[in-house]
């Protein structure tokens, strides 16, 4: 075969870690309109994928969202904050066209008024 190879990658680099796709599939099964990406929420909502908050934090550090590998074309990335007590912004995946505040509030079992969304942020 006469093929020009310009980059070699491992299978893991090509396919990525399956936990994100497994979590998104679970969101579909549970009819959740958002996937919060805060380590605390990942370990709370998906303990079989991330057994501790620290495990989720390490996973997020090692697996940044990459549009060519992840499902960012269908799920958009947004920054949210849950209530006035939370100073830090967290990321969530929400399907394009969804009411992002409502989707995050439902998954976190909060009222829509407790969710703030920072506009103009994307991955």
PDB file of N, CA and C in Angstrom:
ATOM      1  N   UNK A   1       0.840  -1.178   0.000  1.00  0.00           N
ATOM      2  CA  UNK A   1       0.000   0.000   0.000  1.00  0.00           C
ATOM      3  C   UNK A   1       0.886   1.242   0.000  1.00  0.00           C
ATOM      4  N   UNK A   2       0.528   2.171  -0.809  1.00  0.00           N
ATOM      5  CA  UNK A   2       1.275   3.421  -0.894  1.00  0.00           C
ATOM      6  C   UNK A   2       0.521   4.491  -0.099  1.00  0.00           C
ATOM      7  N   UNK A   3       0.752   4.501   1.233  1.00  0.00           N
ATOM      8  CA  UNK A   3       0.051   5.427   2.116  1.00  0.00           C
ATOM      9  C   UNK A   3       1.078   6.254   2.872  1.00  0.00           C
ATOM     10  N   UNK A   4       0.872   7.537   2.888  1.00  0.00           N
ATOM     11  CA  UNK A   4       1.729   8.437   3.651  1.00  0.00           C
ATOM     12  C   UNK A   4       1.236   8.487   5.099  1.00  0.00           C
ATOM     13  N   UNK A   5       2.089   8.170   6.051  1.00  0.00           N
ATOM     14  CA  UNK A   5       1.735   8.196   7.474  1.00  0.00           C
ATOM     15  C   UNK A   5       2.379   9.419   8.088  1.00  0.00           C
ATOM     16  N   UNK A   6       1.551  10.286   8.674  1.00  0.00           N
ATOM     17  CA  UNK A   6       2.105  11.502   9.272  1.00  0.00           C
ATOM     18  C   UNK A   6       2.024  11.509  10.790  1.00  0.00           C
ATOM     19  N   UNK A   7       1.326  10.524  11.372  1.00  0.00           N
ATOM     20  CA  UNK A   7       1.221  10.475  12.823  1.00  0.00           C
ATOM     21  C   UNK A   7       0.892   9.063  13.275  1.00  0.00           C
ATOM     22  N   UNK A   8       1.569   8.609  14.320  1.00  0.00           N
ATOM     23  CA  UNK A   8       1.277   7.318  14.923  1.00  0.00           C
ATOM     24  C   UNK A   8       0.702   7.563  16.311  1.00  0.00           C
ATOM     25  N   UNK A   9      -0.381   6.873  16.606  1.00  0.00           N
ATOM     26  CA  UNK A   9      -1.012   6.990  17.923  1.00  0.00           C
ATOM     27  C   UNK A   9      -1.319   5.600  18.446  1.00  0.00           C
ATOM     28  N   UNK A  10      -1.416   5.505  19.760  1.00  0.00           N
ATOM     29  CA  UNK A  10      -1.788   4.221  20.361  1.00  0.00           C
ATOM     30  C   UNK A  10      -3.297   4.027  20.223  1.00  0.00           C
ATOM     31  N   UNK A  11      -3.739   2.803  20.422  1.00  0.00           N
ATOM     32  CA  UNK A  11      -5.175   2.520  20.369  1.00  0.00           C
ATOM     33  C   UNK A  11      -5.917   3.338  21.420  1.00  0.00           C
ATOM     34  N   UNK A  12      -5.347   3.442  22.629  1.00  0.00           N
ATOM     35  CA  UNK A  12      -5.984   4.214  23.700  1.00  0.00           C
ATOM     36  C   UNK A  12      -6.093   5.692  23.317  1.00  0.00           C
ATOM     37  N   UNK A  13      -5.049   6.239  22.686  1.00  0.00           N
ATOM     38  CA  UNK A  13      -5.119   7.629  22.248  1.00  0.00           C
ATOM     39  C   UNK A  13      -6.205   7.811  21.191  1.00  0.00           C
ATOM     40  N   UNK A  14      -6.363   6.836  20.335  1.00  0.00           N
ATOM     41  CA  UNK A  14      -7.352   6.921  19.273  1.00  0.00           C
ATOM     42  C   UNK A  14      -8.779   6.775  19.798  1.00  0.00           C
ATOM     43  N   UNK A  15      -8.996   5.805  20.676  1.00  0.00           N
ATOM     44  CA  UNK A  15     -10.350   5.539  21.146  1.00  0.00           C
ATOM     45  C   UNK A  15     -10.712   6.291  22.413  1.00  0.00           C
ATOM     46  N   UNK A  16      -9.716   6.658  23.199  1.00  0.00           N
ATOM     47  CA  UNK A  16      -9.988   7.366  24.442  1.00  0.00           C
ATOM     48  C   UNK A  16     -10.529   6.437  25.515  1.00  0.00           C
ATOM     49  N   UNK A  17     -10.794   7.012  26.639  1.00  0.00           N
ATOM     50  CA  UNK A  17     -11.330   6.284  27.780  1.00  0.00           C
ATOM     51  C   UNK A  17     -12.839   6.160  27.587  1.00  0.00           C
ATOM     52  N   UNK A  18     -13.397   5.004  27.809  1.00  0.00           N
ATOM     53  CA  UNK A  18     -14.824   4.762  27.558  1.00  0.00           C
ATOM     54  C   UNK A  18     -15.749   5.352  28.609  1.00  0.00           C
ATOM     55  N   UNK A  19     -15.207   5.830  29.720  1.00  0.00           N
ATOM     56  CA  UNK A  19     -16.079   6.291  30.798  1.00  0.00           C
ATOM     57  C   UNK A  19     -16.961   7.457  30.374  1.00  0.00           C
ATOM     58  N   UNK A  20     -16.461   8.356  29.558  1.00  0.00           N
ATOM     59  CA  UNK A  20     -17.292   9.473  29.111  1.00  0.00           C
ATOM     60  C   UNK A  20     -18.462   8.965  28.279  1.00  0.00           C
ATOM     61  N   UNK A  21     -18.190   8.101  27.324  1.00  0.00           N
ATOM     62  CA  UNK A  21     -19.284   7.586  26.494  1.00  0.00           C
ATOM     63  C   UNK A  21     -20.244   6.728  27.316  1.00  0.00           C
ATOM     64  N   UNK A  22     -19.723   5.987  28.297  1.00  0.00           N
ATOM     65  CA  UNK A  22     -20.600   5.205  29.175  1.00  0.00           C
ATOM     66  C   UNK A  22     -21.499   6.116  30.014  1.00  0.00           C
ATOM     67  N   UNK A  23     -20.931   7.209  30.531  1.00  0.00           N
ATOM     68  CA  UNK A  23     -21.723   8.156  31.322  1.00  0.00           C
ATOM     69  C   UNK A  23     -22.786   8.828  30.448  1.00  0.00           C
ATOM     70  N   UNK A  24     -22.435   9.196  29.220  1.00  0.00           N
ATOM     71  CA  UNK A  24     -23.407   9.810  28.312  1.00  0.00           C
ATOM     72  C   UNK A  24     -24.519   8.819  27.957  1.00  0.00           C
ATOM     73  N   UNK A  25     -24.163   7.559  27.766  1.00  0.00           N
ATOM     74  CA  UNK A  25     -25.180   6.530  27.475  1.00  0.00           C
ATOM     75  C   UNK A  25     -26.134   6.381  28.654  1.00  0.00           C
ATOM     76  N   UNK A  26     -25.579   6.437  29.861  1.00  0.00           N
ATOM     77  CA  UNK A  26     -26.427   6.364  31.052  1.00  0.00           C
ATOM     78  C   UNK A  26     -27.349   7.572  31.158  1.00  0.00           C
ATOM     79  N   UNK A  27     -26.824   8.738  30.788  1.00  0.00           N
ATOM     80  CA  UNK A  27     -27.667   9.945  30.780  1.00  0.00           C
ATOM     81  C   UNK A  27     -28.841   9.746  29.832  1.00  0.00           C
ATOM     82  N   UNK A  28     -28.584   9.166  28.676  1.00  0.00           N
ATOM     83  CA  UNK A  28     -29.665   8.884  27.726  1.00  0.00           C
ATOM     84  C   UNK A  28     -30.682   7.916  28.328  1.00  0.00           C
ATOM     85  N   UNK A  29     -30.189   6.841  28.958  1.00  0.00           N
ATOM     86  CA  UNK A  29     -31.091   5.852  29.564  1.00  0.00           C
ATOM     87  C   UNK A  29     -31.968   6.467  30.651  1.00  0.00           C
ATOM     88  N   UNK A  30     -31.383   7.354  31.441  1.00  0.00           N
ATOM     89  CA  UNK A  30     -32.114   7.985  32.538  1.00  0.00           C
ATOM     90  C   UNK A  30     -32.870   9.235  32.103  1.00  0.00           C
ATOM     91  N   UNK A  31     -32.742   9.555  30.803  1.00  0.00           N
ATOM     92  CA  UNK A  31     -33.371  10.743  30.209  1.00  0.00           C
ATOM     93  C   UNK A  31     -32.923  12.025  30.904  1.00  0.00           C
ATOM     94  N   UNK A  32     -31.635  12.070  31.254  1.00  0.00           N
ATOM     95  CA  UNK A  32     -31.043  13.274  31.801  1.00  0.00           C
ATOM     96  C   UNK A  32     -30.578  14.146  30.653  1.00  0.00           C
ATOM     97  N   UNK A  33     -30.824  15.431  30.757  1.00  0.00           N
ATOM     98  CA  UNK A  33     -30.431  16.357  29.707  1.00  0.00           C
ATOM     99  C   UNK A  33     -29.096  17.011  29.928  1.00  0.00           C
ATOM    100  N   UNK A  34     -28.315  16.530  30.908  1.00  0.00           N
ATOM    101  CA  UNK A  34     -27.006  17.127  31.168  1.00  0.00           C
ATOM    102  C   UNK A  34     -26.095  16.091  31.821  1.00  0.00           C
ATOM    103  N   UNK A  35     -24.814  16.298  31.635  1.00  0.00           N
ATOM    104  CA  UNK A  35     -23.797  15.507  32.317  1.00  0.00           C
ATOM    105  C   UNK A  35     -22.859  16.480  33.023  1.00  0.00           C
ATOM    106  N   UNK A  36     -23.065  16.699  34.328  1.00  0.00           N
ATOM    107  CA  UNK A  36     -22.158  17.574  35.079  1.00  0.00           C
ATOM    108  C   UNK A  36     -20.759  16.963  35.130  1.00  0.00           C
ATOM    109  N   UNK A  37     -19.746  17.772  34.885  1.00  0.00           N
ATOM    110  CA  UNK A  37     -18.375  17.278  34.850  1.00  0.00           C
ATOM    111  C   UNK A  37     -17.567  17.654  36.088  1.00  0.00           C
ATOM    112  N   UNK A  38     -18.221  18.114  37.136  1.00  0.00           N
ATOM    113  CA  UNK A  38     -17.524  18.379  38.392  1.00  0.00           C
ATOM    114  C   UNK A  38     -17.166  17.035  39.017  1.00  0.00           C
ATOM    115  N   UNK A  39     -15.941  16.878  39.521  1.00  0.00           N
ATOM    116  CA  UNK A  39     -15.546  15.594  40.107  1.00  0.00           C
ATOM    117  C   UNK A  39     -16.516  15.091  41.177  1.00  0.00           C
ATOM    118  N   UNK A  40     -17.000  15.968  42.018  1.00  0.00           N
ATOM    119  CA  UNK A  40     -17.936  15.557  43.070  1.00  0.00           C
ATOM    120  C   UNK A  40     -19.206  14.963  42.471  1.00  0.00           C
ATOM    121  N   UNK A  41     -19.716  15.583  41.421  1.00  0.00           N
ATOM    122  CA  UNK A  41     -20.951  15.103  40.794  1.00  0.00           C
ATOM    123  C   UNK A  41     -20.714  13.812  40.012  1.00  0.00           C
ATOM    124  N   UNK A  42     -19.572  13.700  39.322  1.00  0.00           N
ATOM    125  CA  UNK A  42     -19.278  12.464  38.589  1.00  0.00           C
ATOM    126  C   UNK A  42     -19.227  11.267  39.537  1.00  0.00           C
ATOM    127  N   UNK A  43     -18.554  11.437  40.678  1.00  0.00           N
ATOM    128  CA  UNK A  43     -18.453  10.311  41.614  1.00  0.00           C
ATOM    129  C   UNK A  43     -19.783  10.028  42.312  1.00  0.00           C
ATOM    130  N   UNK A  44     -20.610  11.051  42.481  1.00  0.00           N
ATOM    131  CA  UNK A  44     -21.922  10.845  43.108  1.00  0.00           C
ATOM    132  C   UNK A  44     -22.906  10.187  42.139  1.00  0.00           C
ATOM    133  N   UNK A  45     -22.934  10.662  40.900  1.00  0.00           N
ATOM    134  CA  UNK A  45     -23.896  10.166  39.920  1.00  0.00           C
ATOM    135  C   UNK A  45     -23.478   8.841  39.275  1.00  0.00           C
ATOM    136  N   UNK A  46     -22.176   8.613  39.177  1.00  0.00           N
ATOM    137  CA  UNK A  46     -21.653   7.424  38.493  1.00  0.00           C
ATOM    138  C   UNK A  46     -20.584   6.737  39.343  1.00  0.00           C
ATOM    139  N   UNK A  47     -20.932   6.251  40.530  1.00  0.00           N
ATOM    140  CA  UNK A  47     -19.918   5.651  41.409  1.00  0.00           C
ATOM    141  C   UNK A  47     -19.257   4.402  40.827  1.00  0.00           C
ATOM    142  N   UNK A  48     -19.921   3.728  39.912  1.00  0.00           N
ATOM    143  CA  UNK A  48     -19.334   2.553  39.273  1.00  0.00           C
ATOM    144  C   UNK A  48     -18.280   2.932  38.232  1.00  0.00           C
ATOM    145  N   UNK A  49     -18.275   4.200  37.794  1.00  0.00           N
ATOM    146  CA  UNK A  49     -17.265   4.671  36.847  1.00  0.00           C
ATOM    147  C   UNK A  49     -16.136   5.431  37.554  1.00  0.00           C
ATOM    148  N   UNK A  50     -16.503   6.233  38.547  1.00  0.00           N
ATOM    149  CA  UNK A  50     -15.540   6.999  39.344  1.00  0.00           C
ATOM    150  C   UNK A  50     -15.897   6.771  40.813  1.00  0.00           C
ATOM    151  N   UNK A  51     -15.142   5.926  41.500  1.00  0.00           N
ATOM    152  CA  UNK A  51     -15.531   5.544  42.858  1.00  0.00           C
ATOM    153  C   UNK A  51     -15.268   6.617  43.912  1.00  0.00           C
ATOM    154  N   UNK A  52     -14.428   7.591  43.598  1.00  0.00           N
ATOM    155  CA  UNK A  52     -14.194   8.695  44.538  1.00  0.00           C
ATOM    156  C   UNK A  52     -14.117  10.012  43.769  1.00  0.00           C
ATOM    157  N   UNK A  53     -14.260  11.082  44.494  1.00  0.00           N
ATOM    158  CA  UNK A  53     -14.132  12.406  43.887  1.00  0.00           C
ATOM    159  C   UNK A  53     -12.713  12.597  43.340  1.00  0.00           C
ATOM    160  N   UNK A  54     -11.728  12.112  44.064  1.00  0.00           N
ATOM    161  CA  UNK A  54     -10.329  12.236  43.627  1.00  0.00           C
ATOM    162  C   UNK A  54     -10.095  11.449  42.339  1.00  0.00           C
ATOM    163  N   UNK A  55     -10.716  10.281  42.227  1.00  0.00           N
ATOM    164  CA  UNK A  55     -10.582   9.480  41.000  1.00  0.00           C
ATOM    165  C   UNK A  55     -11.168  10.235  39.809  1.00  0.00           C
ATOM    166  N   UNK A  56     -12.309  10.880  40.003  1.00  0.00           N
ATOM    167  CA  UNK A  56     -12.926  11.666  38.934  1.00  0.00           C
ATOM    168  C   UNK A  56     -12.056  12.870  38.582  1.00  0.00           C
ATOM    169  N   UNK A  57     -11.482  13.493  39.592  1.00  0.00           N
ATOM    170  CA  UNK A  57     -10.606  14.644  39.366  1.00  0.00           C
ATOM    171  C   UNK A  57      -9.378  14.245  38.540  1.00  0.00           C
ATOM    172  N   UNK A  58      -8.769  13.131  38.903  1.00  0.00           N
ATOM    173  CA  UNK A  58      -7.604  12.649  38.150  1.00  0.00           C
ATOM    174  C   UNK A  58      -7.989  12.293  36.720  1.00  0.00           C
ATOM    175  N   UNK A  59      -9.144  11.655  36.575  1.00  0.00           N
ATOM    176  CA  UNK A  59      -9.601  11.275  35.233  1.00  0.00           C
ATOM    177  C   UNK A  59      -9.809  12.508  34.367  1.00  0.00           C
ATOM    178  N   UNK A  60     -10.444  13.537  34.923  1.00  0.00           N
ATOM    179  CA  UNK A  60     -10.669  14.768  34.170  1.00  0.00           C
ATOM    180  C   UNK A  60      -9.353  15.432  33.770  1.00  0.00           C
ATOM    181  N   UNK A  61      -8.365  15.402  34.666  1.00  0.00           N
ATOM    182  CA  UNK A  61      -7.053  15.970  34.350  1.00  0.00           C
ATOM    183  C   UNK A  61      -6.373  15.231  33.208  1.00  0.00           C
ATOM    184  N   UNK A  62      -6.531  13.901  33.173  1.00  0.00           N
ATOM    185  CA  UNK A  62      -5.873  13.080  32.158  1.00  0.00           C
ATOM    186  C   UNK A  62      -6.669  12.977  30.862  1.00  0.00           C
ATOM    187  N   UNK A  63      -7.940  13.330  30.896  1.00  0.00           N
ATOM    188  CA  UNK A  63      -8.810  13.160  29.735  1.00  0.00           C
ATOM    189  C   UNK A  63      -9.558  14.445  29.403  1.00  0.00           C
ATOM    190  N   UNK A  64      -8.835  15.461  28.966  1.00  0.00           N
ATOM    191  CA  UNK A  64      -9.536  16.701  28.599  1.00  0.00           C
ATOM    192  C   UNK A  64     -10.466  16.445  27.413  1.00  0.00           C
ATOM    193  N   UNK A  65     -11.541  17.194  27.362  1.00  0.00           N
ATOM    194  CA  UNK A  65     -12.478  17.029  26.252  1.00  0.00           C
ATOM    195  C   UNK A  65     -11.812  17.449  24.954  1.00  0.00           C
ATOM    196  N   UNK A  66     -11.860  16.566  23.974  1.00  0.00           N
ATOM    197  CA  UNK A  66     -11.270  16.844  22.668  1.00  0.00           C
ATOM    198  C   UNK A  66     -12.358  16.668  21.611  1.00  0.00           C
ATOM    199  N   UNK A  67     -12.702  17.735  20.901  1.00  0.00           N
ATOM    200  CA  UNK A  67     -13.800  17.665  19.931  1.00  0.00           C
ATOM    201  C   UNK A  67     -13.661  16.568  18.886  1.00  0.00           C
ATOM    202  N   UNK A  68     -12.450  16.240  18.462  1.00  0.00           N
ATOM    203  CA  UNK A  68     -12.321  15.205  17.437  1.00  0.00           C
ATOM    204  C   UNK A  68     -12.572  13.815  17.987  1.00  0.00           C
ATOM    205  N   UNK A  69     -12.487  13.637  19.299  1.00  0.00           N
ATOM    206  CA  UNK A  69     -12.655  12.321  19.887  1.00  0.00           C
ATOM    207  C   UNK A  69     -13.974  12.201  20.638  1.00  0.00           C
ATOM    208  N   UNK A  70     -14.380  13.252  21.277  1.00  0.00           N
ATOM    209  CA  UNK A  70     -15.567  13.195  22.113  1.00  0.00           C
ATOM    210  C   UNK A  70     -16.798  13.597  21.319  1.00  0.00           C
ATOM    211  N   UNK A  71     -17.909  13.636  21.969  1.00  0.00           N
ATOM    212  CA  UNK A  71     -19.182  13.838  21.288  1.00  0.00           C
ATOM    213  C   UNK A  71     -19.602  15.303  21.356  1.00  0.00           C
ATOM    214  N   UNK A  72     -18.662  16.206  21.241  1.00  0.00           N
ATOM    215  CA  UNK A  72     -18.923  17.623  21.424  1.00  0.00           C
ATOM    216  C   UNK A  72     -19.833  18.183  20.323  1.00  0.00           C
ATOM    217  N   UNK A  73     -19.898  17.499  19.184  1.00  0.00           N
ATOM    218  CA  UNK A  73     -20.778  17.993  18.116  1.00  0.00           C
ATOM    219  C   UNK A  73     -22.248  17.901  18.490  1.00  0.00           C
ATOM    220  N   UNK A  74     -22.615  16.960  19.343  1.00  0.00           N
ATOM    221  CA  UNK A  74     -23.996  16.775  19.769  1.00  0.00           C
ATOM    222  C   UNK A  74     -24.222  17.403  21.136  1.00  0.00           C
ATOM    223  N   UNK A  75     -23.246  17.284  22.012  1.00  0.00           N
ATOM    224  CA  UNK A  75     -23.317  17.810  23.373  1.00  0.00           C
ATOM    225  C   UNK A  75     -22.405  19.018  23.469  1.00  0.00           C
ATOM    226  N   UNK A  76     -22.934  20.165  23.817  1.00  0.00           N
ATOM    227  CA  UNK A  76     -22.130  21.362  24.004  1.00  0.00           C
ATOM    228  C   UNK A  76     -21.614  21.460  25.429  1.00  0.00           C
ATOM    229  N   UNK A  77     -20.511  22.154  25.600  1.00  0.00           N
ATOM    230  CA  UNK A  77     -19.912  22.352  26.917  1.00  0.00           C
ATOM    231  C   UNK A  77     -20.335  23.709  27.446  1.00  0.00           C
ATOM    232  N   UNK A  78     -20.753  23.761  28.706  1.00  0.00           N
ATOM    233  CA  UNK A  78     -21.103  25.040  29.315  1.00  0.00           C
ATOM    234  C   UNK A  78     -20.533  25.104  30.717  1.00  0.00           C
ATOM    235  N   UNK A  79     -20.390  26.314  31.214  1.00  0.00           N
ATOM    236  CA  UNK A  79     -19.970  26.536  32.597  1.00  0.00           C
ATOM    237  C   UNK A  79     -21.211  26.846  33.410  1.00  0.00           C
ATOM    238  N   UNK A  80     -21.318  26.202  34.571  1.00  0.00           N
ATOM    239  CA  UNK A  80     -22.459  26.450  35.453  1.00  0.00           C
ATOM    240  C   UNK A  80     -21.966  26.574  36.890  1.00  0.00           C
ATOM    241  N   UNK A  81     -22.792  27.187  37.692  1.00  0.00           N
ATOM    242  CA  UNK A  81     -22.539  27.284  39.130  1.00  0.00           C
ATOM    243  C   UNK A  81     -23.863  27.001  39.817  1.00  0.00           C
ATOM    244  N   UNK A  82     -23.821  26.136  40.826  1.00  0.00           N
ATOM    245  CA  UNK A  82     -25.044  25.714  41.506  1.00  0.00           C
ATOM    246  C   UNK A  82     -25.248  26.528  42.778  1.00  0.00           C
ATOM    247  N   UNK A  83     -25.976  27.622  42.669  1.00  0.00           N
ATOM    248  CA  UNK A  83     -26.333  28.426  43.837  1.00  0.00           C
ATOM    249  C   UNK A  83     -25.287  29.453  44.213  1.00  0.00           C
ATOM    250  N   UNK A  84     -25.667  30.390  45.056  1.00  0.00           N
ATOM    251  CA  UNK A  84     -24.768  31.483  45.439  1.00  0.00           C
ATOM    252  C   UNK A  84     -23.630  31.035  46.359  1.00  0.00           C
ATOM    253  N   UNK A  85     -23.795  29.916  47.053  1.00  0.00           N
ATOM    254  CA  UNK A  85     -22.736  29.429  47.942  1.00  0.00           C
ATOM    255  C   UNK A  85     -21.551  28.866  47.179  1.00  0.00           C
ATOM    256  N   UNK A  86     -21.773  28.408  45.969  1.00  0.00           N
ATOM    257  CA  UNK A  86     -20.698  27.821  45.173  1.00  0.00           C
ATOM    258  C   UNK A  86     -19.990  28.914  44.384  1.00  0.00           C
ATOM    259  N   UNK A  87     -18.756  29.132  44.701  1.00  0.00           N
ATOM    260  CA  UNK A  87     -17.978  30.176  44.027  1.00  0.00           C
ATOM    261  C   UNK A  87     -17.361  29.688  42.737  1.00  0.00           C
ATOM    262  N   UNK A  88     -17.038  28.403  42.688  1.00  0.00           N
ATOM    263  CA  UNK A  88     -16.364  27.867  41.511  1.00  0.00           C
ATOM    264  C   UNK A  88     -17.356  27.523  40.409  1.00  0.00           C
ATOM    265  N   UNK A  89     -16.902  27.735  39.204  1.00  0.00           N
ATOM    266  CA  UNK A  89     -17.679  27.325  38.043  1.00  0.00           C
ATOM    267  C   UNK A  89     -17.293  25.891  37.713  1.00  0.00           C
ATOM    268  N   UNK A  90     -18.249  25.106  37.271  1.00  0.00           N
ATOM    269  CA  UNK A  90     -18.020  23.733  36.838  1.00  0.00           C
ATOM    270  C   UNK A  90     -18.486  23.604  35.399  1.00  0.00           C
ATOM    271  N   UNK A  91     -18.023  22.584  34.742  1.00  0.00           N
ATOM    272  CA  UNK A  91     -18.442  22.328  33.363  1.00  0.00           C
ATOM    273  C   UNK A  91     -19.510  21.242  33.332  1.00  0.00           C
ATOM    274  N   UNK A  92     -20.326  21.292  32.311  1.00  0.00           N
ATOM    275  CA  UNK A  92     -21.323  20.248  32.066  1.00  0.00           C
ATOM    276  C   UNK A  92     -21.476  20.079  30.564  1.00  0.00           C
ATOM    277  N   UNK A  93     -21.852  18.893  30.160  1.00  0.00           N
ATOM    278  CA  UNK A  93     -22.223  18.641  28.768  1.00  0.00           C
ATOM    279  C   UNK A  93     -23.739  18.682  28.697  1.00  0.00           C
ATOM    280  N   UNK A  94     -24.257  19.421  27.730  1.00  0.00           N
ATOM    281  CA  UNK A  94     -25.699  19.550  27.538  1.00  0.00           C
ATOM    282  C   UNK A  94     -25.959  19.451  26.039  1.00  0.00           C
ATOM    283  N   UNK A  95     -26.976  18.684  25.630  1.00  0.00           N
ATOM    284  CA  UNK A  95     -27.270  18.584  24.196  1.00  0.00           C
ATOM    285  C   UNK A  95     -27.581  19.958  23.605  1.00  0.00           C
ATOM    286  N   UNK A  96     -27.103  20.186  22.405  1.00  0.00           N
ATOM    287  CA  UNK A  96     -27.385  21.447  21.718  1.00  0.00           C
ATOM    288  C   UNK A  96     -28.897  21.633  21.600  1.00  0.00           C
ATOM    289  N   UNK A  97     -29.351  22.826  21.880  1.00  0.00           N
ATOM    290  CA  UNK A  97     -30.768  23.145  21.782  1.00  0.00           C
ATOM    291  C   UNK A  97     -31.550  22.923  23.061  1.00  0.00           C
ATOM    292  N   UNK A  98     -30.932  22.311  24.077  1.00  0.00           N
ATOM    293  CA  UNK A  98     -31.638  22.057  25.337  1.00  0.00           C
ATOM    294  C   UNK A  98     -31.628  23.309  26.208  1.00  0.00           C
ATOM    295  N   UNK A  99     -32.562  23.388  27.130  1.00  0.00           N
ATOM    296  CA  UNK A  99     -32.560  24.445  28.142  1.00  0.00           C
ATOM    297  C   UNK A  99     -31.503  24.045  29.160  1.00  0.00           C
ATOM    298  N   UNK A 100     -30.329  24.651  29.082  1.00  0.00           N
ATOM    299  CA  UNK A 100     -29.186  24.209  29.862  1.00  0.00           C
ATOM    300  C   UNK A 100     -29.401  24.342  31.365  1.00  0.00           C
ATOM    301  N   UNK A 101     -29.982  25.439  31.827  1.00  0.00           N
ATOM    302  CA  UNK A 101     -30.226  25.619  33.262  1.00  0.00           C
ATOM    303  C   UNK A 101     -31.177  24.546  33.782  1.00  0.00           C
ATOM    304  N   UNK A 102     -32.247  24.300  33.056  1.00  0.00           N
ATOM    305  CA  UNK A 102     -33.217  23.284  33.455  1.00  0.00           C
ATOM    306  C   UNK A 102     -32.579  21.894  33.467  1.00  0.00           C
ATOM    307  N   UNK A 103     -31.804  21.583  32.441  1.00  0.00           N
ATOM    308  CA  UNK A 103     -31.174  20.263  32.334  1.00  0.00           C
ATOM    309  C   UNK A 103     -30.227  20.006  33.498  1.00  0.00           C
ATOM    310  N   UNK A 104     -29.375  20.981  33.819  1.00  0.00           N
ATOM    311  CA  UNK A 104     -28.430  20.815  34.928  1.00  0.00           C
ATOM    312  C   UNK A 104     -29.182  20.737  36.252  1.00  0.00           C
ATOM    313  N   UNK A 105     -30.187  21.588  36.426  1.00  0.00           N
ATOM    314  CA  UNK A 105     -30.969  21.585  37.673  1.00  0.00           C
ATOM    315  C   UNK A 105     -31.634  20.231  37.908  1.00  0.00           C
ATOM    316  N   UNK A 106     -32.207  19.635  36.881  1.00  0.00           N
ATOM    317  CA  UNK A 106     -32.879  18.343  37.032  1.00  0.00           C
ATOM    318  C   UNK A 106     -31.910  17.241  37.455  1.00  0.00           C
ATOM    319  N   UNK A 107     -30.734  17.212  36.835  1.00  0.00           N
ATOM    320  CA  UNK A 107     -29.762  16.174  37.174  1.00  0.00           C
ATOM    321  C   UNK A 107     -29.243  16.356  38.602  1.00  0.00           C
ATOM    322  N   UNK A 108     -29.032  17.600  39.009  1.00  0.00           N
ATOM    323  CA  UNK A 108     -28.498  17.873  40.346  1.00  0.00           C
ATOM    324  C   UNK A 108     -29.599  17.944  41.403  1.00  0.00           C
ATOM    325  N   UNK A 109     -30.848  17.783  40.970  1.00  0.00           N
ATOM    326  CA  UNK A 109     -31.994  17.830  41.872  1.00  0.00           C
ATOM    327  C   UNK A 109     -32.075  19.179  42.602  1.00  0.00           C
ATOM    328  N   UNK A 110     -31.944  20.251  41.840  1.00  0.00           N
ATOM    329  CA  UNK A 110     -32.019  21.620  42.349  1.00  0.00           C
ATOM    330  C   UNK A 110     -33.099  22.371  41.581  1.00  0.00           C
ATOM    331  N   UNK A 111     -33.465  23.535  42.068  1.00  0.00           N
ATOM    332  CA  UNK A 111     -34.399  24.365  41.310  1.00  0.00           C
ATOM    333  C   UNK A 111     -33.622  25.116  40.223  1.00  0.00           C
ATOM    334  N   UNK A 112     -34.316  25.486  39.165  1.00  0.00           N
ATOM    335  CA  UNK A 112     -33.682  26.202  38.058  1.00  0.00           C
ATOM    336  C   UNK A 112     -33.059  27.504  38.554  1.00  0.00           C
ATOM    337  N   UNK A 113     -33.709  28.150  39.528  1.00  0.00           N
ATOM    338  CA  UNK A 113     -33.191  29.402  40.062  1.00  0.00           C
ATOM    339  C   UNK A 113     -31.857  29.267  40.771  1.00  0.00           C
ATOM    340  N   UNK A 114     -31.492  28.053  41.162  1.00  0.00           N
ATOM    341  CA  UNK A 114     -30.215  27.829  41.843  1.00  0.00           C
ATOM    342  C   UNK A 114     -29.049  27.631  40.879  1.00  0.00           C
ATOM    343  N   UNK A 115     -29.334  27.549  39.600  1.00  0.00           N
ATOM    344  CA  UNK A 115     -28.305  27.294  38.599  1.00  0.00           C
ATOM    345  C   UNK A 115     -27.990  28.577  37.839  1.00  0.00           C
ATOM    346  N   UNK A 116     -26.736  28.936  37.810  1.00  0.00           N
ATOM    347  CA  UNK A 116     -26.248  30.041  36.986  1.00  0.00           C
ATOM    348  C   UNK A 116     -25.451  29.452  35.833  1.00  0.00           C
ATOM    349  N   UNK A 117     -25.613  30.022  34.656  1.00  0.00           N
ATOM    350  CA  UNK A 117     -24.868  29.564  33.481  1.00  0.00           C
ATOM    351  C   UNK A 117     -24.084  30.740  32.948  1.00  0.00           C
ATOM    352  N   UNK A 118     -22.791  30.491  32.694  1.00  0.00           N
ATOM    353  CA  UNK A 118     -21.939  31.523  32.107  1.00  0.00           C
ATOM    354  C   UNK A 118     -22.020  31.397  30.596  1.00  0.00           C
ATOM    355  N   UNK A 119     -22.460  32.452  29.951  1.00  0.00           N
ATOM    356  CA  UNK A 119     -22.644  32.430  28.495  1.00  0.00           C
ATOM    357  C   UNK A 119     -21.349  32.769  27.769  1.00  0.00           C
ATOM    358  N   UNK A 120     -21.277  32.314  26.540  1.00  0.00           N
ATOM    359  CA  UNK A 120     -20.124  32.622  25.706  1.00  0.00           C
ATOM    360  C   UNK A 120     -18.933  31.737  25.964  1.00  0.00           C
ATOM    361  N   UNK A 121     -19.123  30.619  26.648  1.00  0.00           N
ATOM    362  CA  UNK A 121     -18.030  29.701  26.935  1.00  0.00           C
ATOM    363  C   UNK A 121     -18.303  28.415  26.188  1.00  0.00           C
ATOM    364  N   UNK A 122     -17.302  27.916  25.505  1.00  0.00           N
ATOM    365  CA  UNK A 122     -17.446  26.632  24.826  1.00  0.00           C
ATOM    366  C   UNK A 122     -16.100  25.953  24.768  1.00  0.00           C
ATOM    367  N   UNK A 123     -16.140  24.689  24.438  1.00  0.00           N
ATOM    368  CA  UNK A 123     -14.905  23.900  24.371  1.00  0.00           C
ATOM    369  C   UNK A 123     -14.406  23.903  22.947  1.00  0.00           C
TER     370      UNK A 123
END
